[in-house]
C-alpha atoms as a PDB file:
ATOM      1  CA  UNK A   1      10.251 -25.428 -25.775  1.00  0.00           C
ATOM      2  CA  UNK A   2      13.385 -23.408 -24.962  1.00  0.00           C
ATOM      3  CA  UNK A   3      13.272 -20.260 -22.844  1.00  0.00           C
ATOM      4  CA  UNK A   4      13.660 -17.819 -25.736  1.00  0.00           C
ATOM      5  CA  UNK A   5      10.755 -19.429 -27.567  1.00  0.00           C
ATOM      6  CA  UNK A   6       8.710 -19.261 -24.363  1.00  0.00           C
ATOM      7  CA  UNK A   7       9.354 -15.508 -24.089  1.00  0.00           C
ATOM      8  CA  UNK A   8       8.401 -14.872 -27.713  1.00  0.00           C
ATOM      9  CA  UNK A   9       5.242 -16.978 -27.397  1.00  0.00           C
ATOM     10  CA  UNK A  10       4.096 -15.258 -24.218  1.00  0.00           C
ATOM     11  CA  UNK A  11       4.633 -11.770 -25.653  1.00  0.00           C
ATOM     12  CA  UNK A  12       2.626 -12.733 -28.732  1.00  0.00           C
ATOM     13  CA  UNK A  13      -0.117 -14.298 -26.596  1.00  0.00           C
ATOM     14  CA  UNK A  14      -0.429 -11.208 -24.382  1.00  0.00           C
ATOM     15  CA  UNK A  15      -0.733  -8.948 -27.439  1.00  0.00           C
ATOM     16  CA  UNK A  16      -3.402 -11.195 -28.916  1.00  0.00           C
ATOM     17  CA  UNK A  17      -5.373 -11.556 -25.668  1.00  0.00           C
ATOM     18  CA  UNK A  18      -5.357  -7.882 -24.690  1.00  0.00           C
ATOM     19  CA  UNK A  19      -5.802  -6.502 -28.199  1.00  0.00           C
ATOM     20  CA  UNK A  20      -6.555  -2.808 -27.866  1.00  0.00           C
ATOM     21  CA  UNK A  21      -7.566  -3.119 -24.219  1.00  0.00           C
ATOM     22  CA  UNK A  22      -5.729  -2.145 -21.052  1.00  0.00           C
ATOM     23  CA  UNK A  23      -4.039  -4.588 -18.699  1.00  0.00           C
ATOM     24  CA  UNK A  24      -3.013  -4.004 -15.103  1.00  0.00           C
ATOM     25  CA  UNK A  25      -0.641  -5.879 -12.851  1.00  0.00           C
ATOM     26  CA  UNK A  26       0.436  -5.598  -9.241  1.00  0.00           C
ATOM     27  CA  UNK A  27       4.190  -5.868  -8.915  1.00  0.00           C
ATOM     28  CA  UNK A  28       5.394  -7.458  -5.673  1.00  0.00           C
ATOM     29  CA  UNK A  29       9.122  -7.300  -6.354  1.00  0.00           C
ATOM     30  CA  UNK A  30       9.491 -11.085  -6.441  1.00  0.00           C
ATOM     31  CA  UNK A  31      10.936 -12.795  -9.483  1.00  0.00           C
ATOM     32  CA  UNK A  32       7.541 -14.137 -10.646  1.00  0.00           C
ATOM     33  CA  UNK A  33       5.767 -10.795 -10.740  1.00  0.00           C
ATOM     34  CA  UNK A  34       8.915  -9.113 -12.083  1.00  0.00           C
ATOM     35  CA  UNK A  35       9.044 -11.460 -15.079  1.00  0.00           C
ATOM     36  CA  UNK A  36       5.346 -10.920 -15.770  1.00  0.00           C
ATOM     37  CA  UNK A  37       5.854  -7.152 -15.591  1.00  0.00           C
ATOM     38  CA  UNK A  38       8.718  -7.167 -18.109  1.00  0.00           C
ATOM     39  CA  UNK A  39       6.934  -9.575 -20.474  1.00  0.00           C
ATOM     40  CA  UNK A  40       3.784  -7.455 -20.362  1.00  0.00           C
ATOM     41  CA  UNK A  41       5.697  -4.202 -20.795  1.00  0.00           C
ATOM     42  CA  UNK A  42       7.383  -5.560 -23.927  1.00  0.00           C
ATOM     43  CA  UNK A  43       4.095  -6.875 -25.255  1.00  0.00           C
ATOM     44  CA  UNK A  44       1.801  -3.972 -24.383  1.00  0.00           C
ATOM     45  CA  UNK A  45       3.837  -0.846 -23.706  1.00  0.00           C
ATOM     46  CA  UNK A  46       1.496   1.984 -22.690  1.00  0.00           C
ATOM     47  CA  UNK A  47      -1.439  -0.426 -22.567  1.00  0.00           C
ATOM     48  CA  UNK A  48       0.042  -1.790 -19.324  1.00  0.00           C
ATOM     49  CA  UNK A  49      -0.585  -0.190 -15.935  1.00  0.00           C
ATOM     50  CA  UNK A  50       1.731  -1.451 -13.166  1.00  0.00           C
ATOM     51  CA  UNK A  51       1.174  -0.726  -9.481  1.00  0.00           C
ATOM     52  CA  UNK A  52       2.945  -1.683  -6.279  1.00  0.00           C
ATOM     53  CA  UNK A  53       0.604  -1.996  -3.300  1.00  0.00           C
ATOM     54  CA  UNK A  54       2.161  -1.147   0.052  1.00  0.00           C
ATOM     55  CA  UNK A  55       0.084  -3.410   2.286  1.00  0.00           C
ATOM     56  CA  UNK A  56       2.101  -2.732   5.478  1.00  0.00           C
ATOM     57  CA  UNK A  57       3.364  -6.325   5.300  1.00  0.00           C
ATOM     58  CA  UNK A  58       6.565  -5.775   3.341  1.00  0.00           C
ATOM     59  CA  UNK A  59      10.189  -5.771   4.421  1.00  0.00           C
ATOM     60  CA  UNK A  60      11.874  -2.536   5.473  1.00  0.00           C
ATOM     61  CA  UNK A  61      12.180  -0.094   2.539  1.00  0.00           C
ATOM     62  CA  UNK A  62      10.926  -2.663   0.036  1.00  0.00           C
ATOM     63  CA  UNK A  63       8.164  -0.624  -1.671  1.00  0.00           C
ATOM     64  CA  UNK A  64      10.507   2.247  -2.532  1.00  0.00           C
ATOM     65  CA  UNK A  65      13.293  -0.103  -3.636  1.00  0.00           C
ATOM     66  CA  UNK A  66      11.037  -2.086  -5.985  1.00  0.00           C
ATOM     67  CA  UNK A  67       9.577   1.035  -7.594  1.00  0.00           C
ATOM     68  CA  UNK A  68      13.058   2.473  -8.210  1.00  0.00           C
ATOM     69  CA  UNK A  69      14.398  -0.806  -9.648  1.00  0.00           C
ATOM     70  CA  UNK A  70      11.704  -0.887 -12.324  1.00  0.00           C
ATOM     71  CA  UNK A  71      11.825   2.824 -13.026  1.00  0.00           C
ATOM     72  CA  UNK A  72      15.538   2.306 -13.764  1.00  0.00           C
ATOM     73  CA  UNK A  73      14.445  -0.329 -16.309  1.00  0.00           C
ATOM     74  CA  UNK A  74      12.133   2.200 -17.963  1.00  0.00           C
ATOM     75  CA  UNK A  75       8.952   0.651 -16.545  1.00  0.00           C
ATOM     76  CA  UNK A  76       6.764   3.133 -14.635  1.00  0.00           C
ATOM     77  CA  UNK A  77       5.278   1.825 -11.378  1.00  0.00           C
ATOM     78  CA  UNK A  78       2.659   3.578  -9.239  1.00  0.00           C
ATOM     79  CA  UNK A  79       3.086   3.132  -5.472  1.00  0.00           C
ATOM     80  CA  UNK A  80      -0.291   2.688  -3.752  1.00  0.00           C
ATOM     81  CA  UNK A  81      -0.412   3.219   0.017  1.00  0.00           C
ATOM     82  CA  UNK A  82      -2.956   0.723   1.391  1.00  0.00           C
ATOM     83  CA  UNK A  83      -1.403   0.047   4.786  1.00  0.00           C
ATOM     84  CA  UNK A  84      -4.426   1.091   6.821  1.00  0.00           C
ATOM     85  CA  UNK A  85      -6.857  -1.013   4.790  1.00  0.00           C
ATOM     86  CA  UNK A  86      -4.865  -4.231   5.183  1.00  0.00           C
ATOM     87  CA  UNK A  87      -4.129  -3.794   8.880  1.00  0.00           C
ATOM     88  CA  UNK A  88      -7.804  -3.065   9.512  1.00  0.00           C
ATOM     89  CA  UNK A  89      -8.830  -6.203   7.597  1.00  0.00           C
ATOM     90  CA  UNK A  90      -6.370  -8.376   9.554  1.00  0.00           C
ATOM     91  CA  UNK A  91      -7.270  -7.050  12.992  1.00  0.00           C
ATOM     92  CA  UNK A  92      -8.300  -9.830  15.391  1.00  0.00           C
ATOM     93  CA  UNK A  93      -7.668 -12.678  12.911  1.00  0.00           C
ATOM     94  CA  UNK A  94      -5.490 -15.628  13.949  1.00  0.00           C
ATOM     95  CA  UNK A  95      -6.578 -18.478  11.656  1.00  0.00           C
ATOM     96  CA  UNK A  96      -4.135 -18.808   8.703  1.00  0.00           C
ATOM     97  CA  UNK A  97      -6.832 -19.251   6.060  1.00  0.00           C
ATOM     98  CA  UNK A  98      -8.905 -16.382   7.447  1.00  0.00           C
ATOM     99  CA  UNK A  99      -5.858 -14.137   7.255  1.00  0.00           C
ATOM    100  CA  UNK A 100      -5.136 -15.181   3.677  1.00  0.00           C
ATOM    101  CA  UNK A 101      -8.766 -14.625   2.724  1.00  0.00           C
ATOM    102  CA  UNK A 102      -8.766 -11.177   4.338  1.00  0.00           C
ATOM    103  CA  UNK A 103      -5.676 -10.222   2.349  1.00  0.00           C
ATOM    104  CA  UNK A 104      -7.189 -11.585  -0.864  1.00  0.00           C
ATOM    105  CA  UNK A 105     -10.493  -9.763  -0.367  1.00  0.00           C
ATOM    106  CA  UNK A 106      -8.838  -6.491   0.619  1.00  0.00           C
ATOM    107  CA  UNK A 107      -6.569  -6.677  -2.394  1.00  0.00           C
ATOM    108  CA  UNK A 108      -9.034  -7.715  -5.092  1.00  0.00           C
ATOM    109  CA  UNK A 109     -12.316  -6.184  -3.934  1.00  0.00           C
ATOM    110  CA  UNK A 110     -10.850  -3.097  -2.336  1.00  0.00           C
ATOM    111  CA  UNK A 111      -7.469  -1.684  -3.264  1.00  0.00           C
ATOM    112  CA  UNK A 112      -6.905  -3.379  -6.586  1.00  0.00           C
ATOM    113  CA  UNK A 113     -10.532  -3.052  -7.635  1.00  0.00           C
ATOM    114  CA  UNK A 114     -10.253   0.732  -7.339  1.00  0.00           C
ATOM    115  CA  UNK A 115      -7.023   0.729  -9.351  1.00  0.00           C
ATOM    116  CA  UNK A 116      -8.670  -1.348 -12.081  1.00  0.00           C
ATOM    117  CA  UNK A 117     -11.546   1.126 -12.340  1.00  0.00           C
ATOM    118  CA  UNK A 118      -9.194   4.113 -12.498  1.00  0.00           C
ATOM    119  CA  UNK A 119      -7.182   2.473 -15.273  1.00  0.00           C
ATOM    120  CA  UNK A 120     -10.323   1.132 -17.015  1.00  0.00           C
ATOM    121  CA  UNK A 121      -8.494  -2.176 -17.271  1.00  0.00           C
ATOM    122  CA  UNK A 122     -10.218  -5.352 -18.382  1.00  0.00           C
ATOM    123  CA  UNK A 123      -7.245  -7.692 -17.938  1.00  0.00           C
ATOM    124  CA  UNK A 124      -5.270  -8.587 -14.820  1.00  0.00           C
ATOM    125  CA  UNK A 125      -1.801 -10.128 -15.027  1.00  0.00           C
ATOM    126  CA  UNK A 126      -0.842 -12.701 -12.394  1.00  0.00           C
ATOM    127  CA  UNK A 127       2.583 -14.140 -11.596  1.00  0.00           C
ATOM    128  CA  UNK A 128       1.061 -17.547 -10.853  1.00  0.00           C
ATOM    129  CA  UNK A 129       3.476 -20.461 -11.317  1.00  0.00           C
ATOM    130  CA  UNK A 130       2.781 -24.175 -11.532  1.00  0.00           C
ATOM    131  CA  UNK A 131       3.737 -24.894  -7.918  1.00  0.00           C
ATOM    132  CA  UNK A 132       1.214 -22.279  -6.698  1.00  0.00           C
ATOM    133  CA  UNK A 133      -1.547 -24.048  -8.595  1.00  0.00           C
ATOM    134  CA  UNK A 134      -0.582 -27.554  -7.467  1.00  0.00           C
ATOM    135  CA  UNK A 135      -0.333 -26.709  -3.757  1.00  0.00           C
ATOM    136  CA  UNK A 136      -3.608 -24.790  -3.745  1.00  0.00           C
ATOM    137  CA  UNK A 137      -5.608 -27.396  -5.657  1.00  0.00           C
ATOM    138  CA  UNK A 138      -4.169 -30.147  -3.428  1.00  0.00           C
ATOM    139  CA  UNK A 139      -5.302 -28.232  -0.349  1.00  0.00           C
ATOM    140  CA  UNK A 140      -1.765 -27.947   1.030  1.00  0.00           C
ATOM    141  CA  UNK A 141      -1.715 -24.154   1.159  1.00  0.00           C
ATOM    142  CA  UNK A 142      -4.019 -21.577  -0.392  1.00  0.00           C
ATOM    143  CA  UNK A 143      -2.064 -19.168  -2.586  1.00  0.00           C
ATOM    144  CA  UNK A 144      -3.606 -15.702  -2.716  1.00  0.00           C
ATOM    145  CA  UNK A 145      -3.329 -15.442  -6.513  1.00  0.00           C
ATOM    146  CA  UNK A 146      -5.237 -18.635  -7.323  1.00  0.00           C
ATOM    147  CA  UNK A 147      -8.773 -17.936  -8.537  1.00  0.00           C
ATOM    148  CA  UNK A 148      -9.961 -19.827 -11.631  1.00  0.00           C
ATOM    149  CA  UNK A 149      -8.350 -23.063 -10.447  1.00  0.00           C
ATOM    150  CA  UNK A 150     -10.637 -22.943  -7.397  1.00  0.00           C
ATOM    151  CA  UNK A 151     -13.748 -22.290  -9.456  1.00  0.00           C
ATOM    152  CA  UNK A 152     -13.720 -18.502  -8.947  1.00  0.00           C
ATOM    153  CA  UNK A 153     -14.644 -16.653 -12.124  1.00  0.00           C
ATOM    154  CA  UNK A 154     -12.686 -13.382 -11.854  1.00  0.00           C
ATOM    155  CA  UNK A 155     -14.790 -11.690 -14.524  1.00  0.00           C
ATOM    156  CA  UNK A 156     -17.963 -12.343 -12.544  1.00  0.00           C
ATOM    157  CA  UNK A 157     -16.403 -11.717  -9.121  1.00  0.00           C
ATOM    158  CA  UNK A 158     -14.162  -8.767  -9.884  1.00  0.00           C
ATOM    159  CA  UNK A 159     -14.907  -7.580 -13.437  1.00  0.00           C
ATOM    160  CA  UNK A 160     -11.730  -8.505 -15.286  1.00  0.00           C
ATOM    161  CA  UNK A 161     -10.060 -11.447 -17.029  1.00  0.00           C
ATOM    162  CA  UNK A 162      -6.918 -12.965 -15.467  1.00  0.00           C
ATOM    163  CA  UNK A 163      -3.887 -13.774 -17.619  1.00  0.00           C
ATOM    164  CA  UNK A 164      -1.165 -16.074 -16.202  1.00  0.00           C
ATOM    165  CA  UNK A 165       1.886 -16.166 -18.506  1.00  0.00           C
ATOM    166  CA  UNK A 166       3.990 -18.257 -16.075  1.00  0.00           C
ATOM    167  CA  UNK A 167       1.439 -20.912 -15.152  1.00  0.00           C
ATOM    168  CA  UNK A 168       3.458 -23.689 -16.851  1.00  0.00           C
ATOM    169  CA  UNK A 169       6.764 -22.829 -15.185  1.00  0.00           C
ATOM    170  CA  UNK A 170       8.361 -23.643 -11.859  1.00  0.00           C
ATOM    171  CA  UNK A 171      10.686 -21.323  -9.936  1.00  0.00           C
ATOM    172  CA  UNK A 172      13.889 -22.465 -11.649  1.00  0.00           C
ATOM    173  CA  UNK A 173      12.313 -21.868 -15.062  1.00  0.00           C
ATOM    174  CA  UNK A 174      11.144 -18.405 -14.028  1.00  0.00           C
ATOM    175  CA  UNK A 175      14.675 -17.489 -12.928  1.00  0.00           C
ATOM    176  CA  UNK A 176      16.095 -18.552 -16.310  1.00  0.00           C
ATOM    177  CA  UNK A 177      13.512 -16.443 -18.138  1.00  0.00           C
ATOM    178  CA  UNK A 178      14.242 -13.491 -15.833  1.00  0.00           C
ATOM    179  CA  UNK A 179      17.932 -13.621 -16.726  1.00  0.00           C
ATOM    180  CA  UNK A 180      17.139 -13.740 -20.464  1.00  0.00           C
ATOM    181  CA  UNK A 181      14.874 -10.703 -20.072  1.00  0.00           C
ATOM    182  CA  UNK A 182      17.807  -8.751 -18.644  1.00  0.00           C
ATOM    183  CA  UNK A 183      16.492  -8.338 -15.117  1.00  0.00           C
ATOM    184  CA  UNK A 184      19.199  -7.426 -12.581  1.00  0.00           C
ATOM    185  CA  UNK A 185      20.670 -10.052 -10.270  1.00  0.00           C
ATOM    186  CA  UNK A 186      18.902  -8.378  -7.338  1.00  0.00           C
ATOM    187  CA  UNK A 187      15.684  -9.672  -8.920  1.00  0.00           C
ATOM    188  CA  UNK A 188      16.727 -12.897 -10.642  1.00  0.00           C
ATOM    189  CA  UNK A 189      18.508 -14.193  -7.524  1.00  0.00           C
ATOM    190  CA  UNK A 190      16.009 -12.777  -5.050  1.00  0.00           C
ATOM    191  CA  UNK A 191      14.882 -15.375  -2.546  1.00  0.00           C
ATOM    192  CA  UNK A 192      11.194 -16.301  -2.758  1.00  0.00           C
ATOM    193  CA  UNK A 193       8.876 -14.014  -0.828  1.00  0.00           C
ATOM    194  CA  UNK A 194       5.175 -14.890  -0.422  1.00  0.00           C
ATOM    195  CA  UNK A 195       2.368 -12.754  -1.826  1.00  0.00           C
ATOM    196  CA  UNK A 196       0.788 -12.208   1.619  1.00  0.00           C
ATOM    197  CA  UNK A 197       4.309 -11.151   2.679  1.00  0.00           C
ATOM    198  CA  UNK A 198       5.129 -11.003   6.401  1.00  0.00           C
ATOM    199  CA  UNK A 199       1.578 -12.029   7.312  1.00  0.00           C
ATOM    200  CA  UNK A 200       2.649 -15.588   6.468  1.00  0.00           C
ATOM    201  CA  UNK A 201       5.506 -15.273   8.951  1.00  0.00           C
ATOM    202  CA  UNK A 202       3.455 -14.227  11.953  1.00  0.00           C
ATOM    203  CA  UNK A 203       1.675 -17.070  13.725  1.00  0.00           C
ATOM    204  CA  UNK A 204      -1.387 -15.482  15.290  1.00  0.00           C
ATOM    205  CA  UNK A 205      -2.697 -11.940  14.917  1.00  0.00           C
ATOM    206  CA  UNK A 206      -0.929  -9.490  12.616  1.00  0.00           C
ATOM    207  CA  UNK A 207      -0.446  -6.166  14.408  1.00  0.00           C
ATOM    208  CA  UNK A 208       1.897  -3.206  13.789  1.00  0.00           C
ATOM    209  CA  UNK A 209       3.976  -4.174  16.842  1.00  0.00           C
ATOM    210  CA  UNK A 210       4.336  -7.809  15.780  1.00  0.00           C
ATOM    211  CA  UNK A 211       5.133  -6.725  12.215  1.00  0.00           C
ATOM    212  CA  UNK A 212       7.903  -4.520  13.557  1.00  0.00           C
ATOM    213  CA  UNK A 213       9.453  -7.484  15.389  1.00  0.00           C
ATOM    214  CA  UNK A 214       9.369  -9.874  12.440  1.00  0.00           C
ATOM    215  CA  UNK A 215      10.564  -7.102  10.093  1.00  0.00           C
ATOM    216  CA  UNK A 216      13.640  -6.554  12.277  1.00  0.00           C
ATOM    217  CA  UNK A 217      14.282 -10.305  12.512  1.00  0.00           C
ATOM    218  CA  UNK A 218      13.882 -10.678   8.739  1.00  0.00           C
ATOM    219  CA  UNK A 219      16.489  -7.976   8.092  1.00  0.00           C
ATOM    220  CA  UNK A 220      18.945  -9.766  10.406  1.00  0.00           C
ATOM    221  CA  UNK A 221      18.349 -13.198   8.837  1.00  0.00           C
ATOM    222  CA  UNK A 222      18.713 -11.890   5.299  1.00  0.00           C
ATOM    223  CA  UNK A 223      21.879  -9.951   6.133  1.00  0.00           C
ATOM    224  CA  UNK A 224      23.486 -12.951   7.818  1.00  0.00           C
ATOM    225  CA  UNK A 225      22.472 -15.624   5.295  1.00  0.00           C
ATOM    226  CA  UNK A 226      22.470 -13.924   1.894  1.00  0.00           C
ATOM    227  CA  UNK A 227      25.967 -15.208   1.109  1.00  0.00           C
ATOM    228  CA  UNK A 228      25.071 -18.834   1.850  1.00  0.00           C
ATOM    229  CA  UNK A 229      23.543 -19.383  -1.595  1.00  0.00           C
ATOM    230  CA  UNK A 230      20.553 -21.094   0.019  1.00  0.00           C
ATOM    231  CA  UNK A 231      17.262 -21.210  -1.881  1.00  0.00           C
ATOM    232  CA  UNK A 232      15.351 -19.411   0.881  1.00  0.00           C
ATOM    233  CA  UNK A 233      15.843 -18.102   4.414  1.00  0.00           C
ATOM    234  CA  UNK A 234      13.359 -16.382   6.664  1.00  0.00           C
ATOM    235  CA  UNK A 235      12.286 -15.446  10.182  1.00  0.00           C
ATOM    236  CA  UNK A 236       8.960 -16.430  11.752  1.00  0.00           C
ATOM    237  CA  UNK A 237       7.330 -14.942  14.847  1.00  0.00           C
ATOM    238  CA  UNK A 238       5.483 -17.560  16.896  1.00  0.00           C
ATOM    239  CA  UNK A 239       2.310 -16.947  18.884  1.00  0.00           C
ATOM    240  CA  UNK A 240       3.758 -18.590  21.991  1.00  0.00           C
ATOM    241  CA  UNK A 241       5.976 -16.856  24.530  1.00  0.00           C
ATOM    242  CA  UNK A 242       8.827 -18.093  26.705  1.00  0.00           C
ATOM    243  CA  UNK A 243      10.302 -17.144  30.046  1.00  0.00           C
ATOM    244  CA  UNK A 244      13.660 -15.417  29.846  1.00  0.00           C
ATOM    245  CA  UNK A 245      15.962 -13.000  31.627  1.00  0.00           C
ATOM    246  CA  UNK A 246      16.563  -9.400  30.606  1.00  0.00           C
ATOM    247  CA  UNK A 247      18.674  -6.977  32.668  1.00  0.00           C
ATOM    248  CA  UNK A 248      18.543  -9.393  35.591  1.00  0.00           C
ATOM    249  CA  UNK A 249      14.757  -9.571  35.609  1.00  0.00           C
ATOM    250  CA  UNK A 250      12.239 -12.171  34.442  1.00  0.00           C
ATOM    251  CA  UNK A 251      10.829 -11.574  30.970  1.00  0.00           C
ATOM    252  CA  UNK A 252       7.964 -13.322  29.207  1.00  0.00           C
ATOM    253  CA  UNK A 253       9.229 -12.809  25.673  1.00  0.00           C
ATOM    254  CA  UNK A 254       8.642 -13.546  22.010  1.00  0.00           C
ATOM    255  CA  UNK A 255      10.077 -16.498  20.070  1.00  0.00           C
ATOM    256  CA  UNK A 256      11.620 -16.170  16.594  1.00  0.00           C
ATOM    257  CA  UNK A 257      12.184 -19.206  14.370  1.00  0.00           C
ATOM    258  CA  UNK A 258      14.891 -19.075  11.699  1.00  0.00           C
ATOM    259  CA  UNK A 259      14.478 -21.223   8.596  1.00  0.00           C
ATOM    260  CA  UNK A 260      17.082 -21.789   5.857  1.00  0.00           C
ATOM    261  CA  UNK A 261      16.474 -24.316   3.086  1.00  0.00           C
ATOM    262  CA  UNK A 262      17.898 -25.648  -0.173  1.00  0.00           C
ATOM    263  CA  UNK A 263      15.573 -26.439  -3.074  1.00  0.00           C
ATOM    264  CA  UNK A 264      15.209 -26.176  -6.829  1.00  0.00           C
ATOM    265  CA  UNK A 265      11.519 -25.420  -7.268  1.00  0.00           C
ATOM    266  CA  UNK A 266      10.079 -25.370  -3.702  1.00  0.00           C
ATOM    267  CA  UNK A 267       8.245 -28.682  -4.166  1.00  0.00           C
ATOM    268  CA  UNK A 268      10.799 -30.359  -1.905  1.00  0.00           C
ATOM    269  CA  UNK A 269      13.384 -28.805   0.361  1.00  0.00           C
ATOM    270  CA  UNK A 270      16.240 -29.832   2.620  1.00  0.00           C
ATOM    271  CA  UNK A 271      17.513 -27.861   5.589  1.00  0.00           C
ATOM    272  CA  UNK A 272      20.840 -26.065   5.227  1.00  0.00           C
ATOM    273  CA  UNK A 273      23.354 -27.198   7.867  1.00  0.00           C
ATOM    274  CA  UNK A 274      24.563 -23.773   8.948  1.00  0.00           C
ATOM    275  CA  UNK A 275      27.904 -23.417  10.769  1.00  0.00           C
ATOM    276  CA  UNK A 276      27.646 -23.082  14.517  1.00  0.00           C
ATOM    277  CA  UNK A 277      29.224 -19.578  14.570  1.00  0.00           C
ATOM    278  CA  UNK A 278      26.512 -18.397  12.126  1.00  0.00           C
ATOM    279  CA  UNK A 279      23.724 -19.816  14.272  1.00  0.00           C
ATOM    280  CA  UNK A 280      25.262 -18.303  17.409  1.00  0.00           C
ATOM    281  CA  UNK A 281      25.518 -14.892  15.712  1.00  0.00           C
ATOM    282  CA  UNK A 282      21.913 -15.093  14.519  1.00  0.00           C
ATOM    283  CA  UNK A 283      20.731 -15.932  18.012  1.00  0.00           C
ATOM    284  CA  UNK A 284      22.693 -13.098  19.578  1.00  0.00           C
ATOM    285  CA  UNK A 285      21.409 -10.480  17.117  1.00  0.00           C
ATOM    286  CA  UNK A 286      17.791 -11.644  17.110  1.00  0.00           C
ATOM    287  CA  UNK A 287      17.493 -11.843  20.894  1.00  0.00           C
ATOM    288  CA  UNK A 288      18.763  -8.261  21.013  1.00  0.00           C
ATOM    289  CA  UNK A 289      15.430  -7.202  19.459  1.00  0.00           C
ATOM    290  CA  UNK A 290      13.336  -5.729  22.300  1.00  0.00           C
ATOM    291  CA  UNK A 291      10.825  -8.269  23.574  1.00  0.00           C
ATOM    292  CA  UNK A 292      12.469 -11.305  21.908  1.00  0.00           C
ATOM    293  CA  UNK A 293      14.270 -13.737  24.205  1.00  0.00           C
ATOM    294  CA  UNK A 294      14.313 -16.980  22.205  1.00  0.00           C
ATOM    295  CA  UNK A 295      15.743 -17.828  18.778  1.00  0.00           C
ATOM    296  CA  UNK A 296      15.377 -21.369  17.425  1.00  0.00           C
ATOM    297  CA  UNK A 297      16.493 -23.026  14.170  1.00  0.00           C
ATOM    298  CA  UNK A 298      13.977 -25.107  12.206  1.00  0.00           C
ATOM    299  CA  UNK A 299      15.430 -28.489  11.133  1.00  0.00           C
ATOM    300  CA  UNK A 300      12.338 -29.738   9.273  1.00  0.00           C
ATOM    301  CA  UNK A 301      12.558 -30.556   5.539  1.00  0.00           C
ATOM    302  CA  UNK A 302       9.692 -30.262   3.043  1.00  0.00           C
ATOM    303  CA  UNK A 303       7.812 -32.568   3.356  1.00  0.00           C
ATOM    304  CA  UNK A 304       6.565 -32.937   6.088  1.00  0.00           C
ATOM    305  CA  UNK A 305       6.764 -29.163   6.600  1.00  0.00           C
ATOM    306  CA  UNK A 306       5.970 -26.491   4.042  1.00  0.00           C
ATOM    307  CA  UNK A 307       8.524 -23.731   3.475  1.00  0.00           C
ATOM    308  CA  UNK A 308       6.399 -21.015   5.093  1.00  0.00           C
ATOM    309  CA  UNK A 309       4.565 -21.454   8.393  1.00  0.00           C
ATOM    310  CA  UNK A 310       1.141 -20.239   7.186  1.00  0.00           C
END
């Protein structure tokens, strides 16, 4: 099946499935959710309700940027401020799966559940892709948007039916479809960003202070590496600390890991061999963040590592 046929089939399927009902989707700004949003908008028009949930875990300015991008495309998006709810749910948690579960529960049972009731929606659109399903079912890494594949009946648990138009595609296929749908390059070429957002890039407890550090490091990494053409690049805040020197005095500071990989569909990945001047510049800028005195570069391919740390 070619990409144009895929688009036509998915639009027809969404119209048939939803009928005269109302569907709702949570836009994250990533290419997967963006493609689902455009497909659903073309299929359903006013029967679609799109929201963007600000969960306090996004990059700097991202909620406002995403909403504006889709408004410029003629697709209305409601910005929902849920920062307090997510930070409260994550407080004190350090285990990766507990953090993911807290985000999932807060999203589906709390914030999103209220949005579904307001919209009287009976269908939920997910940007699930094939890699998400495979890694979750294999027990490699639980993806927050996987429900039915783990035996969770969303109609019984949450009161709506889940539709997954991209479940047969991998990331490269999604990017091709995004380009055909006319999405801007800022979306089609956007590096992958996980659903649980910066919570997957903080080893240990997620707090406002730690989010601020990894948010600053993320901005630096993305500014420095966006012209490399790499598949993905990111900053991770470790839970360990290291002894350093700041203003001539001993400092017990934070450690940031930089990761930059090449891949086609995220199933396998190789590490980009960055030039030494780039690495030196990254280290200098990241260790200028208050409280951070170590910057290290991750040389591990996938496998044995996953792309994200959590």
